[in-house]
Amino acid sequence: MYLSKEVKEDIFKKHGKNAKDTGSAEGQIALFTHRINHLTEHLKNNRKDFNSERSLVKLVGKRRALLDYLTKKDILRYRAIVKELGLRK
């Protein structure tokens, strides 16, 4: 699988408080971004894979909801994660 335990720990270590902090909004947004990037590359080669396309749309919606939550909760954390991950908006 493309997302091994080590990759997840690395993502959470970079964007969360520590490697075990899997529930923070920043860690989840970073994980969703990694998965979205992977699915985007997959769909460039497999354009008729509609199940993966649906999964991609759902992931983008989940990430958007977390970003909206973070905007309401703490705008500085929101700006930091958007800048760190290079997201638009």
Protein backbone atom coordinates (compact mmCIF):
# COMPACT_ATOMS: atom_id res chain seq x y z
CA MET A 1 0.00 0.00 0.00
CA TYR A 2 1.16 3.52 -0.72
CA LEU A 3 0.59 4.78 2.83
CA SER A 4 2.72 2.75 5.21
CA LYS A 5 2.93 3.17 8.96
CA GLU A 6 6.26 5.00 8.67
CA VAL A 7 4.86 7.50 6.15
CA LYS A 8 1.90 8.25 8.42
CA GLU A 9 4.16 8.74 11.45
CA ASP A 10 6.36 11.08 9.42
CA ILE A 11 3.36 13.15 8.35
CA PHE A 12 2.04 13.39 11.91
CA LYS A 13 5.50 14.19 13.26
CA LYS A 14 5.90 17.09 10.80
CA HIS A 15 2.43 18.58 11.12
CA GLY A 16 1.16 17.45 14.52
CA LYS A 17 2.50 18.00 17.99
CA ASN A 18 4.31 14.64 17.88
CA ALA A 19 4.24 11.33 15.97
CA LYS A 20 1.43 9.95 18.14
CA ASP A 21 -0.81 13.03 17.74
CA THR A 22 -3.07 11.62 15.03
CA GLY A 23 -6.21 13.50 15.96
CA SER A 24 -5.13 17.11 15.54
CA ALA A 25 -6.70 19.07 12.72
CA GLU A 26 -3.30 19.91 11.24
CA GLY A 27 -2.23 16.26 11.17
CA GLN A 28 -5.49 15.16 9.57
CA ILE A 29 -5.32 17.92 6.95
CA ALA A 30 -1.74 16.92 6.09
CA LEU A 31 -2.75 13.26 5.81
CA PHE A 32 -5.72 14.11 3.59
CA THR A 33 -3.47 16.28 1.43
CA HIS A 34 -1.02 13.41 0.97
CA ARG A 35 -3.84 11.06 0.01
CA ILE A 36 -5.39 13.66 -2.35
CA ASN A 37 -2.06 14.13 -4.13
CA HIS A 38 -1.68 10.37 -4.51
CA LEU A 39 -5.21 9.93 -5.90
CA THR A 40 -4.73 12.86 -8.29
CA GLU A 41 -1.65 11.19 -9.78
CA HIS A 42 -3.52 7.88 -9.98
CA LEU A 43 -6.42 9.48 -11.84
CA LYS A 44 -4.09 11.10 -14.39
CA ASN A 45 -3.16 7.58 -15.55
CA ASN A 46 -6.53 5.90 -14.93
CA ARG A 47 -9.10 8.43 -16.04
CA LYS A 48 -12.01 5.96 -16.06
CA ASP A 49 -11.57 4.91 -12.44
CA PHE A 50 -14.76 6.48 -11.16
CA ASN A 51 -14.61 4.89 -7.70
CA SER A 52 -11.26 6.55 -7.01
CA GLU A 53 -12.62 9.79 -8.42
CA ARG A 54 -15.50 9.65 -5.94
CA SER A 55 -13.06 8.93 -3.11
CA LEU A 56 -11.02 11.95 -4.16
CA VAL A 57 -14.07 14.23 -4.07
CA LYS A 58 -15.01 12.93 -0.61
CA LEU A 59 -11.47 13.52 0.69
CA VAL A 60 -11.43 17.05 -0.66
CA GLY A 61 -14.73 17.70 1.13
CA LYS A 62 -13.39 16.31 4.41
CA ARG A 63 -10.26 18.43 4.14
CA ARG A 64 -12.35 21.50 3.35
CA ALA A 65 -14.52 20.86 6.43
CA LEU A 66 -11.45 20.58 8.66
CA LEU A 67 -10.00 23.76 7.18
CA ASP A 68 -13.30 25.57 7.82
CA TYR A 69 -13.27 24.29 11.41
CA LEU A 70 -9.71 25.49 11.87
CA THR A 71 -10.63 28.89 10.43
CA LYS A 72 -13.35 29.33 13.04
CA LYS A 73 -11.29 27.87 15.89
CA ASP A 74 -7.87 29.48 15.39
CA ILE A 75 -7.07 31.55 12.30
CA LEU A 76 -3.32 31.53 12.98
CA ARG A 77 -3.15 27.72 12.94
CA TYR A 78 -5.20 27.77 9.72
CA ARG A 79 -2.83 30.21 8.02
CA ALA A 80 0.20 28.22 9.17
CA ILE A 81 -1.05 24.88 7.82
CA VAL A 82 -2.20 26.41 4.51
CA LYS A 83 1.20 28.03 4.03
CA GLU A 84 3.06 24.88 5.10
CA LEU A 85 1.15 22.59 2.72
CA GLY A 86 0.91 25.10 -0.11
CA LEU A 87 -2.88 24.99 -0.32
CA ARG A 88 -4.87 27.65 -2.10
CA LYS A 89 -7.45 29.95 -0.49
